[in-house]
Amino acid sequence: MNTIGPSHTPERARVLALGGGKGGAGRSTLCAEIARSLVRHNQRVLCVDTSPSCPNLHTFLHAPEPSYEHGPDDPPPLGLSLIHI
């Protein structure tokens, strides 16, 4: 637990980040199960899948595939060839 930052208050969100470089390690499964458990305990949860090549968290949560409509003032999408990590 972070003991350096300010103490936790009900107004302050808690953040749990799951990451790693290897595919198939179970991050989406773990995230979905943690989210389900927290929701069962009446907690609000936001899950974000930031995988540039194969985001699939929505399948574990039985949610529709997310989509984004680019408006005329939005910058064009970069695509995988221009992503630099």
C-alpha atoms as a PDB file:
ATOM      1  CA  MET A   1       0.000   0.000   0.000  1.00  0.00           C
ATOM      2  CA  ASN A   2       1.204   3.487  -0.788  1.00  0.00           C
ATOM      3  CA  THR A   3       2.232   5.138   2.474  1.00  0.00           C
ATOM      4  CA  ILE A   4       3.917   8.138   0.845  1.00  0.00           C
ATOM      5  CA  GLY A   5       0.852   9.885  -0.620  1.00  0.00           C
ATOM      6  CA  PRO A   6      -2.126  11.364   1.177  1.00  0.00           C
ATOM      7  CA  SER A   7      -4.299   9.040   3.221  1.00  0.00           C
ATOM      8  CA  HIS A   8      -7.310   7.426   1.567  1.00  0.00           C
ATOM      9  CA  THR A   9     -10.655   9.169   1.884  1.00  0.00           C
ATOM     10  CA  PRO A  10     -14.029   8.066   0.482  1.00  0.00           C
ATOM     11  CA  GLU A  11     -13.836  10.888  -2.107  1.00  0.00           C
ATOM     12  CA  ARG A  12     -10.449   9.761  -3.428  1.00  0.00           C
ATOM     13  CA  ALA A  13     -10.432   7.002  -6.033  1.00  0.00           C
ATOM     14  CA  ARG A  14      -8.234   3.947  -5.601  1.00  0.00           C
ATOM     15  CA  VAL A  15      -6.305   2.878  -8.673  1.00  0.00           C
ATOM     16  CA  LEU A  16      -5.164  -0.639  -9.476  1.00  0.00           C
ATOM     17  CA  ALA A  17      -3.050  -1.019 -12.625  1.00  0.00           C
ATOM     18  CA  LEU A  18      -2.298  -4.422 -14.150  1.00  0.00           C
ATOM     19  CA  GLY A  19       0.456  -4.574 -16.725  1.00  0.00           C
ATOM     20  CA  GLY A  20       3.101  -6.685 -18.376  1.00  0.00           C
ATOM     21  CA  GLY A  21       4.698  -7.278 -21.729  1.00  0.00           C
ATOM     22  CA  LYS A  22       3.697 -10.880 -22.379  1.00  0.00           C
ATOM     23  CA  GLY A  23       0.421 -11.728 -24.064  1.00  0.00           C
ATOM     24  CA  GLY A  24      -1.838 -14.356 -22.549  1.00  0.00           C
ATOM     25  CA  ALA A  25      -0.725 -13.768 -18.952  1.00  0.00           C
ATOM     26  CA  GLY A  26      -4.288 -13.325 -17.679  1.00  0.00           C
ATOM     27  CA  ARG A  27      -4.466  -9.577 -17.054  1.00  0.00           C
ATOM     28  CA  SER A  28      -7.944  -9.186 -18.574  1.00  0.00           C
ATOM     29  CA  THR A  29      -9.268 -12.207 -16.673  1.00  0.00           C
ATOM     30  CA  LEU A  30      -7.830 -10.925 -13.391  1.00  0.00           C
ATOM     31  CA  CYS A  31      -9.170  -7.411 -14.007  1.00  0.00           C
ATOM     32  CA  ALA A  32     -12.670  -8.719 -14.789  1.00  0.00           C
ATOM     33  CA  GLU A  33     -12.748 -10.939 -11.694  1.00  0.00           C
ATOM     34  CA  ILE A  34     -11.551  -8.128  -9.412  1.00  0.00           C
ATOM     35  CA  ALA A  35     -14.183  -5.819 -10.928  1.00  0.00           C
ATOM     36  CA  ARG A  36     -16.950  -8.395 -10.392  1.00  0.00           C
ATOM     37  CA  SER A  37     -15.883  -8.904  -6.790  1.00  0.00           C
ATOM     38  CA  LEU A  38     -15.855  -5.172  -6.060  1.00  0.00           C
ATOM     39  CA  VAL A  39     -19.268  -4.676  -7.683  1.00  0.00           C
ATOM     40  CA  ARG A  40     -20.687  -7.475  -5.522  1.00  0.00           C
ATOM     41  CA  HIS A  41     -19.534  -5.385  -2.541  1.00  0.00           C
ATOM     42  CA  ASN A  42     -21.367  -2.294  -3.871  1.00  0.00           C
ATOM     43  CA  GLN A  43     -18.217  -0.566  -5.109  1.00  0.00           C
ATOM     44  CA  ARG A  44     -18.080   1.528  -8.284  1.00  0.00           C
ATOM     45  CA  VAL A  45     -15.577   0.218 -10.827  1.00  0.00           C
ATOM     46  CA  LEU A  46     -14.062   1.530 -14.044  1.00  0.00           C
ATOM     47  CA  CYS A  47     -12.069  -0.918 -16.172  1.00  0.00           C
ATOM     48  CA  VAL A  48      -9.936   0.347 -19.061  1.00  0.00           C
ATOM     49  CA  ASP A  49      -8.229  -1.973 -21.550  1.00  0.00           C
ATOM     50  CA  THR A  50      -5.347  -0.071 -23.138  1.00  0.00           C
ATOM     51  CA  SER A  51      -4.054  -2.864 -25.359  1.00  0.00           C
ATOM     52  CA  PRO A  52      -3.251  -1.287 -28.740  1.00  0.00           C
ATOM     53  CA  SER A  53      -3.362  -4.559 -30.663  1.00  0.00           C
ATOM     54  CA  CYS A  54      -6.057  -6.722 -29.087  1.00  0.00           C
ATOM     55  CA  PRO A  55      -8.283  -5.122 -26.437  1.00  0.00           C
ATOM     56  CA  ASN A  56     -10.612  -7.855 -25.199  1.00  0.00           C
ATOM     57  CA  LEU A  57     -11.685  -6.909 -21.681  1.00  0.00           C
ATOM     58  CA  HIS A  58     -15.220  -6.248 -22.929  1.00  0.00           C
ATOM     59  CA  THR A  59     -15.632  -9.962 -23.728  1.00  0.00           C
ATOM     60  CA  PHE A  60     -14.841 -10.939 -20.128  1.00  0.00           C
ATOM     61  CA  LEU A  61     -17.351  -8.383 -18.840  1.00  0.00           C
ATOM     62  CA  HIS A  62     -20.064  -9.393 -21.364  1.00  0.00           C
ATOM     63  CA  ALA A  63     -20.157  -5.808 -22.636  1.00  0.00           C
ATOM     64  CA  PRO A  64     -20.525  -4.593 -26.224  1.00  0.00           C
ATOM     65  CA  GLU A  65     -17.341  -3.915 -28.123  1.00  0.00           C
ATOM     66  CA  PRO A  66     -16.381  -0.286 -27.556  1.00  0.00           C
ATOM     67  CA  SER A  67     -16.332   2.027 -30.538  1.00  0.00           C
ATOM     68  CA  TYR A  68     -15.393   5.629 -31.119  1.00  0.00           C
ATOM     69  CA  GLU A  69     -16.696   7.895 -33.818  1.00  0.00           C
ATOM     70  CA  HIS A  70     -14.118  10.436 -34.965  1.00  0.00           C
ATOM     71  CA  GLY A  71     -15.575  13.907 -35.255  1.00  0.00           C
ATOM     72  CA  PRO A  72     -14.436  16.507 -37.805  1.00  0.00           C
ATOM     73  CA  ASP A  73     -12.311  18.301 -35.184  1.00  0.00           C
ATOM     74  CA  ASP A  74     -10.659  15.149 -33.793  1.00  0.00           C
ATOM     75  CA  PRO A  75      -7.097  14.253 -34.787  1.00  0.00           C
ATOM     76  CA  PRO A  76      -6.824  11.199 -37.067  1.00  0.00           C
ATOM     77  CA  PRO A  77      -6.151   7.872 -35.332  1.00  0.00           C
ATOM     78  CA  LEU A  78      -2.480   6.943 -35.218  1.00  0.00           C
ATOM     79  CA  GLY A  79      -2.757   3.239 -35.928  1.00  0.00           C
ATOM     80  CA  LEU A  80      -0.339   0.584 -34.705  1.00  0.00           C
ATOM     81  CA  SER A  81       2.503   1.628 -37.002  1.00  0.00           C
ATOM     82  CA  LEU A  82       2.824   5.021 -35.300  1.00  0.00           C
ATOM     83  CA  ILE A  83       2.428   3.971 -31.658  1.00  0.00           C
ATOM     84  CA  HIS A  84       5.636   4.414 -29.721  1.00  0.00           C
ATOM     85  CA  ILE A  85       5.869   2.909 -26.250  1.00  0.00           C
END
